[in-house]
N, C-alpha and C. Protein backbone atom coordinates (compact mmCIF):
# COMPACT_ATOMS: atom_id res chain seq x y z
N MET A 1 106.38 55.88 15.07
CA MET A 1 107.55 55.79 15.91
C MET A 1 107.17 55.73 17.39
N TYR A 2 106.31 56.63 17.80
CA TYR A 2 105.86 56.63 19.19
C TYR A 2 104.41 56.19 19.24
N ASP A 3 104.22 54.93 19.61
CA ASP A 3 102.87 54.41 19.72
C ASP A 3 102.17 54.94 20.96
N ASP A 4 102.96 55.27 21.96
CA ASP A 4 102.42 55.73 23.24
C ASP A 4 102.89 57.16 23.48
N TYR A 5 101.98 58.11 23.51
CA TYR A 5 102.36 59.51 23.66
C TYR A 5 102.94 59.81 25.03
N ASN A 6 102.87 58.87 25.95
CA ASN A 6 103.48 59.06 27.27
C ASN A 6 105.00 59.01 27.20
N GLU A 7 105.55 58.73 26.02
CA GLU A 7 106.99 58.71 25.83
C GLU A 7 107.56 60.12 25.86
N ILE A 8 106.74 61.13 25.59
CA ILE A 8 107.18 62.52 25.56
C ILE A 8 106.54 63.26 26.73
N LEU A 9 107.38 63.95 27.50
CA LEU A 9 106.91 64.66 28.69
C LEU A 9 107.04 66.17 28.51
N THR A 10 106.21 66.89 29.23
CA THR A 10 106.34 68.34 29.35
C THR A 10 107.07 68.64 30.66
N ILE A 11 107.41 69.90 30.86
CA ILE A 11 108.09 70.28 32.11
C ILE A 11 107.23 69.96 33.34
N PRO A 12 105.94 70.29 33.36
CA PRO A 12 105.14 69.93 34.53
C PRO A 12 105.10 68.42 34.78
N GLN A 13 105.04 67.63 33.72
CA GLN A 13 105.05 66.18 33.88
C GLN A 13 106.39 65.69 34.41
N LEU A 14 107.49 66.30 33.93
CA LEU A 14 108.82 65.96 34.43
C LEU A 14 108.91 66.26 35.92
N ALA A 15 108.45 67.44 36.32
CA ALA A 15 108.47 67.83 37.73
C ALA A 15 107.67 66.84 38.58
N ASP A 16 106.51 66.45 38.08
CA ASP A 16 105.67 65.49 38.80
C ASP A 16 106.34 64.13 38.89
N LEU A 17 106.92 63.68 37.78
CA LEU A 17 107.56 62.37 37.74
C LEU A 17 108.73 62.28 38.71
N LEU A 18 109.56 63.33 38.76
CA LEU A 18 110.73 63.33 39.64
C LEU A 18 110.42 63.87 41.04
N GLN A 19 109.19 64.32 41.24
CA GLN A 19 108.77 64.90 42.51
C GLN A 19 109.67 66.07 42.91
N ILE A 20 109.83 67.00 41.95
CA ILE A 20 110.63 68.20 42.16
C ILE A 20 109.79 69.41 41.77
N GLY A 21 110.27 70.58 42.09
CA GLY A 21 109.57 71.81 41.73
C GLY A 21 109.77 72.16 40.27
N MET A 22 108.91 73.05 39.79
CA MET A 22 108.98 73.48 38.40
C MET A 22 110.32 74.18 38.11
N ASN A 23 110.78 75.02 39.04
CA ASN A 23 112.05 75.72 38.82
C ASN A 23 113.21 74.74 38.67
N THR A 24 113.22 73.69 39.49
CA THR A 24 114.26 72.67 39.41
C THR A 24 114.16 71.92 38.08
N ALA A 25 112.96 71.61 37.66
CA ALA A 25 112.76 70.92 36.38
C ALA A 25 113.28 71.78 35.22
N TYR A 26 112.94 73.07 35.22
CA TYR A 26 113.46 73.96 34.19
C TYR A 26 114.98 74.04 34.24
N SER A 27 115.53 74.08 35.44
CA SER A 27 116.98 74.17 35.60
C SER A 27 117.67 72.93 35.02
N LEU A 28 117.13 71.75 35.29
CA LEU A 28 117.71 70.51 34.78
C LEU A 28 117.68 70.48 33.25
N VAL A 29 116.61 70.96 32.68
CA VAL A 29 116.47 70.97 31.22
C VAL A 29 117.34 72.07 30.61
N ASN A 30 117.30 73.27 31.17
CA ASN A 30 118.07 74.38 30.61
C ASN A 30 119.57 74.16 30.71
N SER A 31 120.02 73.44 31.74
CA SER A 31 121.45 73.17 31.91
C SER A 31 121.92 72.02 31.02
N GLY A 32 120.98 71.26 30.47
CA GLY A 32 121.33 70.13 29.62
C GLY A 32 121.51 68.83 30.39
N GLU A 33 121.31 68.87 31.72
CA GLU A 33 121.42 67.63 32.50
C GLU A 33 120.38 66.61 32.04
N ILE A 34 119.23 67.09 31.67
CA ILE A 34 118.20 66.25 31.05
C ILE A 34 117.99 66.79 29.64
N GLU A 35 118.24 65.95 28.64
CA GLU A 35 118.11 66.38 27.26
C GLU A 35 116.65 66.65 26.91
N SER A 36 116.47 67.67 26.08
CA SER A 36 115.11 68.02 25.67
C SER A 36 115.16 68.63 24.27
N PHE A 37 114.00 68.87 23.73
CA PHE A 37 113.87 69.62 22.49
C PHE A 37 112.68 70.55 22.65
N LYS A 38 112.61 71.54 21.79
CA LYS A 38 111.53 72.51 21.90
C LYS A 38 110.56 72.38 20.73
N VAL A 39 109.30 72.55 21.04
CA VAL A 39 108.24 72.70 20.05
C VAL A 39 107.70 74.10 20.28
N LYS A 40 108.02 74.97 19.35
CA LYS A 40 107.80 76.42 19.51
C LYS A 40 108.54 76.86 20.77
N ASN A 41 107.85 77.28 21.80
CA ASN A 41 108.53 77.74 23.02
C ASN A 41 108.42 76.76 24.18
N SER A 42 107.93 75.56 23.92
CA SER A 42 107.71 74.59 24.98
C SER A 42 108.72 73.45 24.90
N HIS A 43 109.32 73.15 26.05
CA HIS A 43 110.25 72.03 26.12
C HIS A 43 109.49 70.72 26.06
N ARG A 44 110.10 69.74 25.41
CA ARG A 44 109.60 68.36 25.40
C ARG A 44 110.77 67.46 25.77
N ILE A 45 110.49 66.47 26.60
CA ILE A 45 111.53 65.59 27.11
C ILE A 45 111.15 64.15 26.82
N GLN A 46 112.06 63.40 26.21
CA GLN A 46 111.81 61.98 26.00
C GLN A 46 111.96 61.27 27.34
N ARG A 47 111.08 60.34 27.60
CA ARG A 47 111.14 59.58 28.86
C ARG A 47 112.49 58.90 29.01
N SER A 48 113.09 58.46 27.91
CA SER A 48 114.41 57.81 27.97
C SER A 48 115.48 58.79 28.46
N ALA A 49 115.33 60.08 28.19
CA ALA A 49 116.29 61.07 28.69
C ALA A 49 116.21 61.18 30.21
N VAL A 50 115.00 61.04 30.75
CA VAL A 50 114.82 61.06 32.20
C VAL A 50 115.44 59.81 32.81
N THR A 51 115.23 58.67 32.17
CA THR A 51 115.83 57.42 32.64
C THR A 51 117.34 57.52 32.63
N ASP A 52 117.92 58.07 31.57
CA ASP A 52 119.37 58.25 31.48
C ASP A 52 119.88 59.14 32.61
N TYR A 53 119.17 60.21 32.90
CA TYR A 53 119.55 61.12 33.97
C TYR A 53 119.55 60.39 35.32
N ILE A 54 118.52 59.61 35.58
CA ILE A 54 118.42 58.87 36.84
C ILE A 54 119.57 57.87 36.96
N ILE A 55 119.87 57.17 35.89
CA ILE A 55 120.97 56.20 35.92
C ILE A 55 122.30 56.91 36.18
N ARG A 56 122.55 58.03 35.50
CA ARG A 56 123.79 58.79 35.73
C ARG A 56 123.91 59.24 37.17
N LYS A 57 122.84 59.76 37.72
CA LYS A 57 122.84 60.23 39.10
C LYS A 57 123.05 59.08 40.08
N SER A 58 122.43 57.94 39.80
CA SER A 58 122.57 56.78 40.67
C SER A 58 124.00 56.27 40.67
N LYS A 59 124.63 56.20 39.50
CA LYS A 59 126.01 55.75 39.40
C LYS A 59 126.95 56.70 40.13
N LYS A 60 126.70 58.00 39.98
CA LYS A 60 127.53 59.01 40.65
C LYS A 60 127.41 58.87 42.16
N ARG A 61 126.22 58.63 42.64
CA ARG A 61 125.99 58.46 44.08
C ARG A 61 126.67 57.19 44.59
N LEU A 62 126.54 56.11 43.84
CA LEU A 62 127.17 54.85 44.25
C LEU A 62 128.69 54.99 44.27
N LYS A 63 129.23 55.70 43.29
CA LYS A 63 130.68 55.91 43.25
C LYS A 63 131.12 56.69 44.48
N GLY A 64 130.37 57.69 44.88
CA GLY A 64 130.67 58.48 46.06
C GLY A 64 130.59 57.66 47.34
N LEU A 65 129.64 56.77 47.42
CA LEU A 65 129.50 55.90 48.60
C LEU A 65 130.66 54.92 48.69
N LYS A 66 131.12 54.41 47.57
CA LYS A 66 132.25 53.48 47.57
C LYS A 66 133.51 54.18 48.07
N MET A 67 133.69 55.45 47.71
CA MET A 67 134.87 56.19 48.14
C MET A 67 134.84 56.42 49.66
N ILE A 68 133.66 56.63 50.20
CA ILE A 68 133.52 56.86 51.64
C ILE A 68 133.81 55.58 52.42
N ASN A 69 133.36 54.45 51.90
CA ASN A 69 133.49 53.17 52.60
C ASN A 69 134.87 52.55 52.48
N THR A 70 135.75 53.07 51.62
CA THR A 70 137.08 52.48 51.48
C THR A 70 138.11 53.23 52.27
């Protein structure tokens, strides 16, 4: 199913990818803003979940900018 193991991220990799702190990365995952699953006690995040989060945030920001400009 996953030919490339880079499809699954850990919290430190998520933090590095989004250029955020570890606490913020944990907060995004624990709140459900970025979907994840656990392997024992460690969170794992599909790269597609990060992409979905970025798209949602971008749309929300664009919607806010449109409201300001009208």
